[in-house]
Amino acid sequence: MAPIVNCCGIEIECSEFTNTCSVCGADYNWNGTRLAPREQWGEETGESIADIMRPMSDEDWDRI
């Protein structure tokens, strides 16, 4: 069963890789941990939001 977090008075089931609050836009991972704001995503790796949010290709999976 996926974790459920309470954000802005609503319950968010964290069943996806990224789960977003529809009220404030906060993001949570599949474990229910609140993530850093999106503008900070990719700072350490040089990735853009577009890189991070795009679906993974077969080539991406092969590198893991």
C-alpha atoms as a PDB file:
ATOM      1  CA  MET A   1       0.000   0.000   0.000  1.00  0.00           C
ATOM      2  CA  ALA A   2       1.312   3.442  -0.950  1.00  0.00           C
ATOM      3  CA  PRO A   3       2.019   5.965   1.822  1.00  0.00           C
ATOM      4  CA  ILE A   4      -0.465   8.794   2.280  1.00  0.00           C
ATOM      5  CA  VAL A   5       0.655  12.314   3.246  1.00  0.00           C
ATOM      6  CA  ASN A   6      -1.489  15.215   4.384  1.00  0.00           C
ATOM      7  CA  CYS A   7      -0.719  18.482   2.590  1.00  0.00           C
ATOM      8  CA  CYS A   8      -2.908  21.602   2.624  1.00  0.00           C
ATOM      9  CA  GLY A   9      -5.665  19.616   4.320  1.00  0.00           C
ATOM     10  CA  ILE A  10      -5.894  16.985   1.590  1.00  0.00           C
ATOM     11  CA  GLU A  11      -4.593  13.435   1.522  1.00  0.00           C
ATOM     12  CA  ILE A  12      -2.148  12.546  -1.239  1.00  0.00           C
ATOM     13  CA  GLU A  13      -1.566   8.889  -2.018  1.00  0.00           C
ATOM     14  CA  CYS A  14       2.101   8.557  -2.992  1.00  0.00           C
ATOM     15  CA  SER A  15       1.719   5.792  -5.541  1.00  0.00           C
ATOM     16  CA  GLU A  16       3.703   7.424  -8.365  1.00  0.00           C
ATOM     17  CA  PHE A  17       7.369   8.377  -8.758  1.00  0.00           C
ATOM     18  CA  THR A  18       6.387  12.036  -8.157  1.00  0.00           C
ATOM     19  CA  ASN A  19       3.122  13.037  -6.452  1.00  0.00           C
ATOM     20  CA  THR A  20       2.062  16.693  -6.471  1.00  0.00           C
ATOM     21  CA  CYS A  21      -0.279  18.582  -4.142  1.00  0.00           C
ATOM     22  CA  SER A  22      -3.028  20.166  -6.248  1.00  0.00           C
ATOM     23  CA  VAL A  23      -3.281  23.098  -3.813  1.00  0.00           C
ATOM     24  CA  CYS A  24       0.295  24.300  -3.254  1.00  0.00           C
ATOM     25  CA  GLY A  25       2.292  22.324  -5.846  1.00  0.00           C
ATOM     26  CA  ALA A  26       4.540  20.572  -3.303  1.00  0.00           C
ATOM     27  CA  ASP A  27       6.023  17.334  -4.622  1.00  0.00           C
ATOM     28  CA  TYR A  28       6.410  14.051  -2.747  1.00  0.00           C
ATOM     29  CA  ASN A  29       8.220  10.896  -3.822  1.00  0.00           C
ATOM     30  CA  TRP A  30       6.793   7.357  -3.773  1.00  0.00           C
ATOM     31  CA  ASN A  31       7.928   7.039  -0.159  1.00  0.00           C
ATOM     32  CA  GLY A  32       5.960  10.091   1.041  1.00  0.00           C
ATOM     33  CA  THR A  33       9.052  12.266   1.473  1.00  0.00           C
ATOM     34  CA  ARG A  34       8.612  15.910   0.485  1.00  0.00           C
ATOM     35  CA  LEU A  35      10.976  16.874  -2.326  1.00  0.00           C
ATOM     36  CA  ALA A  36      12.901  20.095  -2.843  1.00  0.00           C
ATOM     37  CA  PRO A  37      11.195  22.779  -4.937  1.00  0.00           C
ATOM     38  CA  ARG A  38      11.318  21.991  -8.663  1.00  0.00           C
ATOM     39  CA  GLU A  39      13.484  25.002  -9.414  1.00  0.00           C
ATOM     40  CA  GLN A  40      16.244  23.242  -7.455  1.00  0.00           C
ATOM     41  CA  TRP A  41      15.904  19.922  -9.272  1.00  0.00           C
ATOM     42  CA  GLY A  42      18.974  19.028 -11.319  1.00  0.00           C
ATOM     43  CA  GLU A  43      21.307  21.601  -9.737  1.00  0.00           C
ATOM     44  CA  GLU A  44      23.838  18.951  -8.760  1.00  0.00           C
ATOM     45  CA  THR A  45      23.585  16.959 -11.988  1.00  0.00           C
ATOM     46  CA  GLY A  46      23.124  19.747 -14.535  1.00  0.00           C
ATOM     47  CA  GLU A  47      19.760  18.340 -15.642  1.00  0.00           C
ATOM     48  CA  SER A  48      16.797  20.531 -16.544  1.00  0.00           C
ATOM     49  CA  ILE A  49      13.215  19.982 -15.389  1.00  0.00           C
ATOM     50  CA  ALA A  50      12.444  18.702 -18.903  1.00  0.00           C
ATOM     51  CA  ASP A  51      15.207  16.085 -18.537  1.00  0.00           C
ATOM     52  CA  ILE A  52      13.963  14.976 -15.143  1.00  0.00           C
ATOM     53  CA  MET A  53      10.238  14.809 -15.963  1.00  0.00           C
ATOM     54  CA  ARG A  54      10.473  13.091 -19.362  1.00  0.00           C
ATOM     55  CA  PRO A  55       9.622   9.397 -19.640  1.00  0.00           C
ATOM     56  CA  MET A  56      12.639   7.092 -19.492  1.00  0.00           C
ATOM     57  CA  SER A  57      13.718   5.452 -22.734  1.00  0.00           C
ATOM     58  CA  ASP A  58      15.047   1.899 -23.123  1.00  0.00           C
ATOM     59  CA  GLU A  59      18.512   3.444 -23.400  1.00  0.00           C
ATOM     60  CA  ASP A  60      18.041   5.179 -20.020  1.00  0.00           C
ATOM     61  CA  TRP A  61      17.022   1.905 -18.365  1.00  0.00           C
ATOM     62  CA  ASP A  62      20.085   0.154 -19.813  1.00  0.00           C
ATOM     63  CA  ARG A  63      22.368   2.634 -18.015  1.00  0.00           C
ATOM     64  CA  ILE A  64      20.891   1.908 -14.591  1.00  0.00           C
END
